[in-house]
Amino acid sequence: MEKSKVLQAGRAALTARAALKPARVADAQLDHIERMIRSAAVAGNQKALACLDRAYWKRRLAALGDENDLVSTQRARVLRLFDLLAQDHADGSGKVAA
């Protein structure tokens, strides 16, 4: 009985992985998201940073990771972008309060 559960779990994992888009499909989306986040961060303009809807971009990054079979370099880029969003938010909120 346990063996059948393991086989079913294995099949479910394979099915879930097969449903993911290949990593090469994610490159264009990742490039776009990275360009938008970095352009606002590099500008250093508080208005640009304030207009950046961080929740939206975090959702886009999360969806990218959930829907695509990312390779390690892509996962690293996604994590750096999450860090950049958090860092800019912390820096921006500190500057506004000062």
N, C-alpha and C. Protein backbone atom coordinates (compact mmCIF):
# COMPACT_ATOMS: atom_id res chain seq x y z
N MET A 1 0.83 -1.19 0.00
CA MET A 1 0.00 0.00 0.00
C MET A 1 0.87 1.26 0.00
N GLU A 2 1.93 1.30 0.84
CA GLU A 2 2.79 2.47 0.90
C GLU A 2 3.52 2.69 -0.42
N LYS A 3 3.88 1.59 -1.07
CA LYS A 3 4.59 1.70 -2.34
C LYS A 3 3.73 2.42 -3.37
N SER A 4 2.44 2.13 -3.39
CA SER A 4 1.56 2.80 -4.35
C SER A 4 1.45 4.29 -4.05
N LYS A 5 1.47 4.65 -2.76
CA LYS A 5 1.44 6.07 -2.39
C LYS A 5 2.70 6.76 -2.88
N VAL A 6 3.84 6.11 -2.72
CA VAL A 6 5.11 6.67 -3.17
C VAL A 6 5.10 6.84 -4.68
N LEU A 7 4.60 5.84 -5.39
CA LEU A 7 4.52 5.93 -6.85
C LEU A 7 3.58 7.05 -7.28
N GLN A 8 2.46 7.18 -6.58
CA GLN A 8 1.52 8.25 -6.91
C GLN A 8 2.16 9.61 -6.65
N ALA A 9 2.88 9.74 -5.55
CA ALA A 9 3.56 11.00 -5.24
C ALA A 9 4.62 11.30 -6.29
N GLY A 10 5.33 10.26 -6.72
CA GLY A 10 6.34 10.44 -7.76
C GLY A 10 5.72 10.87 -9.08
N ARG A 11 4.61 10.26 -9.41
CA ARG A 11 3.90 10.65 -10.64
C ARG A 11 3.38 12.08 -10.54
N ALA A 12 2.87 12.44 -9.38
CA ALA A 12 2.37 13.81 -9.19
C ALA A 12 3.50 14.81 -9.34
N ALA A 13 4.67 14.49 -8.79
CA ALA A 13 5.81 15.39 -8.91
C ALA A 13 6.24 15.53 -10.36
N LEU A 14 6.26 14.41 -11.09
CA LEU A 14 6.62 14.46 -12.51
C LEU A 14 5.60 15.26 -13.31
N THR A 15 4.33 15.08 -13.00
CA THR A 15 3.28 15.82 -13.69
C THR A 15 3.40 17.31 -13.40
N ALA A 16 3.66 17.65 -12.15
CA ALA A 16 3.80 19.06 -11.78
C ALA A 16 5.01 19.66 -12.48
N ARG A 17 6.11 18.93 -12.52
CA ARG A 17 7.31 19.44 -13.18
C ARG A 17 7.08 19.57 -14.68
N ALA A 18 6.35 18.62 -15.27
CA ALA A 18 6.07 18.68 -16.69
C ALA A 18 5.18 19.87 -17.02
N ALA A 19 4.37 20.31 -16.08
CA ALA A 19 3.49 21.45 -16.30
C ALA A 19 4.25 22.77 -16.28
N LEU A 20 5.45 22.78 -15.71
CA LEU A 20 6.24 24.01 -15.67
C LEU A 20 6.76 24.35 -17.06
N LYS A 21 6.85 25.64 -17.33
CA LYS A 21 7.41 26.09 -18.60
C LYS A 21 8.93 25.93 -18.54
N PRO A 22 9.57 25.72 -19.68
CA PRO A 22 11.02 25.57 -19.66
C PRO A 22 11.71 26.88 -19.28
N ALA A 23 12.93 26.76 -18.78
CA ALA A 23 13.67 27.92 -18.29
C ALA A 23 13.87 28.98 -19.37
N ARG A 24 14.05 28.55 -20.61
CA ARG A 24 14.32 29.53 -21.67
C ARG A 24 13.14 30.48 -21.89
N VAL A 25 11.94 30.04 -21.55
CA VAL A 25 10.75 30.88 -21.70
C VAL A 25 10.77 32.02 -20.68
N ALA A 26 11.38 31.78 -19.54
CA ALA A 26 11.39 32.77 -18.46
C ALA A 26 12.36 33.92 -18.72
N ASP A 27 13.32 33.74 -19.60
CA ASP A 27 14.35 34.76 -19.80
C ASP A 27 13.79 36.12 -20.18
N ALA A 28 12.87 36.17 -21.12
CA ALA A 28 12.31 37.45 -21.56
C ALA A 28 11.57 38.14 -20.42
N GLN A 29 10.78 37.38 -19.67
CA GLN A 29 10.06 37.97 -18.54
C GLN A 29 11.03 38.44 -17.47
N LEU A 30 12.02 37.63 -17.18
CA LEU A 30 13.00 37.99 -16.16
C LEU A 30 13.78 39.23 -16.57
N ASP A 31 14.15 39.32 -17.85
CA ASP A 31 14.85 40.51 -18.34
C ASP A 31 13.99 41.76 -18.15
N HIS A 32 12.72 41.66 -18.49
CA HIS A 32 11.80 42.81 -18.35
C HIS A 32 11.66 43.23 -16.89
N ILE A 33 11.41 42.28 -16.02
CA ILE A 33 11.23 42.59 -14.60
C ILE A 33 12.50 43.20 -14.03
N GLU A 34 13.63 42.62 -14.38
CA GLU A 34 14.91 43.14 -13.89
C GLU A 34 15.16 44.56 -14.39
N ARG A 35 14.86 44.81 -15.66
CA ARG A 35 15.05 46.14 -16.23
C ARG A 35 14.18 47.17 -15.51
N MET A 36 12.94 46.84 -15.23
CA MET A 36 12.04 47.79 -14.57
C MET A 36 12.48 48.08 -13.14
N ILE A 37 12.81 47.05 -12.39
CA ILE A 37 13.19 47.24 -10.99
C ILE A 37 14.51 47.98 -10.90
N ARG A 38 15.48 47.57 -11.71
CA ARG A 38 16.80 48.22 -11.65
C ARG A 38 16.75 49.66 -12.14
N SER A 39 15.94 49.95 -13.14
CA SER A 39 15.87 51.33 -13.64
C SER A 39 15.33 52.27 -12.57
N ALA A 40 14.37 51.82 -11.80
CA ALA A 40 13.85 52.65 -10.71
C ALA A 40 14.86 52.76 -9.58
N ALA A 41 15.58 51.68 -9.31
CA ALA A 41 16.56 51.69 -8.22
C ALA A 41 17.78 52.53 -8.56
N VAL A 42 18.25 52.43 -9.80
CA VAL A 42 19.45 53.15 -10.21
C VAL A 42 19.17 54.64 -10.34
N ALA A 43 17.94 55.00 -10.72
CA ALA A 43 17.60 56.41 -10.88
C ALA A 43 17.80 57.17 -9.58
N GLY A 44 17.57 56.51 -8.47
CA GLY A 44 17.74 57.17 -7.18
C GLY A 44 16.68 58.23 -6.92
N ASN A 45 15.73 58.34 -7.81
CA ASN A 45 14.66 59.32 -7.70
C ASN A 45 13.59 58.75 -6.76
N GLN A 46 13.33 59.45 -5.67
CA GLN A 46 12.36 58.96 -4.70
C GLN A 46 10.96 58.85 -5.29
N LYS A 47 10.62 59.74 -6.24
CA LYS A 47 9.30 59.66 -6.87
C LYS A 47 9.19 58.37 -7.68
N ALA A 48 10.26 58.03 -8.40
CA ALA A 48 10.24 56.80 -9.20
C ALA A 48 10.11 55.59 -8.28
N LEU A 49 10.83 55.61 -7.17
CA LEU A 49 10.77 54.49 -6.23
C LEU A 49 9.40 54.42 -5.56
N ALA A 50 8.81 55.57 -5.27
CA ALA A 50 7.50 55.59 -4.63
C ALA A 50 6.42 55.07 -5.58
N CYS A 51 6.58 55.33 -6.87
CA CYS A 51 5.60 54.88 -7.85
C CYS A 51 5.74 53.40 -8.18
N LEU A 52 6.86 52.82 -7.81
CA LEU A 52 7.08 51.40 -8.08
C LEU A 52 6.20 50.58 -7.14
N ASP A 53 5.26 49.87 -7.71
CA ASP A 53 4.36 49.04 -6.92
C ASP A 53 5.09 47.75 -6.56
N ARG A 54 5.74 47.75 -5.41
CA ARG A 54 6.57 46.62 -5.01
C ARG A 54 5.78 45.32 -4.90
N ALA A 55 4.55 45.41 -4.41
CA ALA A 55 3.72 44.21 -4.27
C ALA A 55 3.47 43.57 -5.65
N TYR A 56 3.24 44.41 -6.65
CA TYR A 56 3.02 43.90 -8.01
C TYR A 56 4.26 43.18 -8.53
N TRP A 57 5.42 43.80 -8.38
CA TRP A 57 6.66 43.20 -8.90
C TRP A 57 7.04 41.96 -8.10
N LYS A 58 6.73 41.94 -6.82
CA LYS A 58 6.98 40.72 -6.02
C LYS A 58 6.08 39.58 -6.49
N ARG A 59 4.84 39.92 -6.83
CA ARG A 59 3.93 38.89 -7.35
C ARG A 59 4.43 38.36 -8.69
N ARG A 60 4.92 39.27 -9.54
CA ARG A 60 5.45 38.85 -10.84
C ARG A 60 6.65 37.92 -10.67
N LEU A 61 7.54 38.28 -9.74
CA LEU A 61 8.71 37.43 -9.48
C LEU A 61 8.29 36.07 -8.93
N ALA A 62 7.34 36.08 -8.01
CA ALA A 62 6.87 34.82 -7.43
C ALA A 62 6.22 33.94 -8.50
N ALA A 63 5.42 34.54 -9.36
CA ALA A 63 4.76 33.79 -10.43
C ALA A 63 5.80 33.22 -11.40
N LEU A 64 6.83 34.00 -11.66
CA LEU A 64 7.89 33.53 -12.55
C LEU A 64 8.53 32.26 -11.99
N GLY A 65 8.79 32.26 -10.69
CA GLY A 65 9.37 31.09 -10.06
C GLY A 65 8.41 29.91 -9.99
N ASP A 66 7.13 30.20 -9.82
CA ASP A 66 6.13 29.13 -9.70
C ASP A 66 5.78 28.48 -11.04
N GLU A 67 5.84 29.26 -12.11
CA GLU A 67 5.37 28.78 -13.41
C GLU A 67 6.47 28.23 -14.31
N ASN A 68 7.73 28.49 -13.95
CA ASN A 68 8.84 28.11 -14.81
C ASN A 68 9.82 27.21 -14.07
N ASP A 69 10.46 26.34 -14.82
CA ASP A 69 11.49 25.46 -14.27
C ASP A 69 12.82 26.21 -14.37
N LEU A 70 13.06 27.12 -13.43
CA LEU A 70 14.22 28.00 -13.50
C LEU A 70 15.51 27.24 -13.22
N VAL A 71 16.57 27.66 -13.92
CA VAL A 71 17.90 27.13 -13.63
C VAL A 71 18.50 27.95 -12.49
N SER A 72 19.61 27.51 -11.97
CA SER A 72 20.18 28.14 -10.76
C SER A 72 20.51 29.62 -10.98
N THR A 73 21.02 29.99 -12.15
CA THR A 73 21.35 31.40 -12.38
C THR A 73 20.09 32.26 -12.42
N GLN A 74 19.01 31.73 -12.96
CA GLN A 74 17.75 32.47 -12.99
C GLN A 74 17.19 32.62 -11.58
N ARG A 75 17.26 31.56 -10.79
CA ARG A 75 16.80 31.64 -9.40
C ARG A 75 17.61 32.68 -8.63
N ALA A 76 18.91 32.73 -8.88
CA ALA A 76 19.76 33.72 -8.21
C ALA A 76 19.36 35.13 -8.61
N ARG A 77 19.05 35.35 -9.88
CA ARG A 77 18.59 36.67 -10.33
C ARG A 77 17.29 37.06 -9.65
N VAL A 78 16.36 36.11 -9.55
CA VAL A 78 15.08 36.38 -8.89
C VAL A 78 15.31 36.76 -7.44
N LEU A 79 16.17 36.03 -6.74
CA LEU A 79 16.46 36.34 -5.33
C LEU A 79 17.10 37.71 -5.19
N ARG A 80 18.02 38.06 -6.10
CA ARG A 80 18.64 39.40 -6.05
C ARG A 80 17.60 40.49 -6.25
N LEU A 81 16.64 40.25 -7.14
CA LEU A 81 15.60 41.25 -7.38
C LEU A 81 14.68 41.39 -6.17
N PHE A 82 14.36 40.28 -5.51
CA PHE A 82 13.59 40.36 -4.27
C PHE A 82 14.36 41.19 -3.24
N ASP A 83 15.66 40.95 -3.13
CA ASP A 83 16.49 41.71 -2.18
C ASP A 83 16.53 43.18 -2.54
N LEU A 84 16.64 43.48 -3.83
CA LEU A 84 16.68 44.87 -4.27
C LEU A 84 15.37 45.58 -3.96
N LEU A 85 14.25 44.92 -4.17
CA LEU A 85 12.96 45.51 -3.82
C LEU A 85 12.86 45.79 -2.32
N ALA A 86 13.32 44.86 -1.53
CA ALA A 86 13.27 45.04 -0.07
C ALA A 86 14.22 46.14 0.37
N GLN A 87 15.40 46.18 -0.23
CA GLN A 87 16.41 47.18 0.13
C GLN A 87 15.92 48.58 -0.24
N ASP A 88 15.42 48.75 -1.46
CA ASP A 88 14.93 50.05 -1.89
C ASP A 88 13.76 50.51 -1.04
N HIS A 89 12.91 49.58 -0.65
CA HIS A 89 11.77 49.92 0.19
C HIS A 89 12.25 50.40 1.56
N ALA A 90 13.23 49.71 2.12
CA ALA A 90 13.76 50.10 3.43
C ALA A 90 14.48 51.44 3.34
N ASP A 91 15.29 51.61 2.28
CA ASP A 91 16.00 52.88 2.10
C ASP A 91 15.03 54.02 1.84
N GLY A 92 14.04 53.77 1.00
CA GLY A 92 13.08 54.81 0.66
C GLY A 92 12.24 55.23 1.84
N SER A 93 11.82 54.29 2.67
CA SER A 93 10.99 54.63 3.82
C SER A 93 11.80 55.40 4.85
N GLY A 94 13.08 55.08 4.96
CA GLY A 94 13.93 55.80 5.91
C GLY A 94 14.17 57.23 5.47
N LYS A 95 14.33 57.45 4.17
CA LYS A 95 14.59 58.80 3.66
C LYS A 95 13.35 59.67 3.74
N VAL A 96 12.20 59.07 3.52
CA VAL A 96 10.95 59.84 3.57
C VAL A 96 10.68 60.30 4.99
N ALA A 97 10.97 59.44 5.97
CA ALA A 97 10.70 59.76 7.36
C ALA A 97 11.66 60.81 7.90
N ALA A 98 12.85 60.92 7.33
CA ALA A 98 13.87 61.85 7.85
C ALA A 98 13.59 63.28 7.51
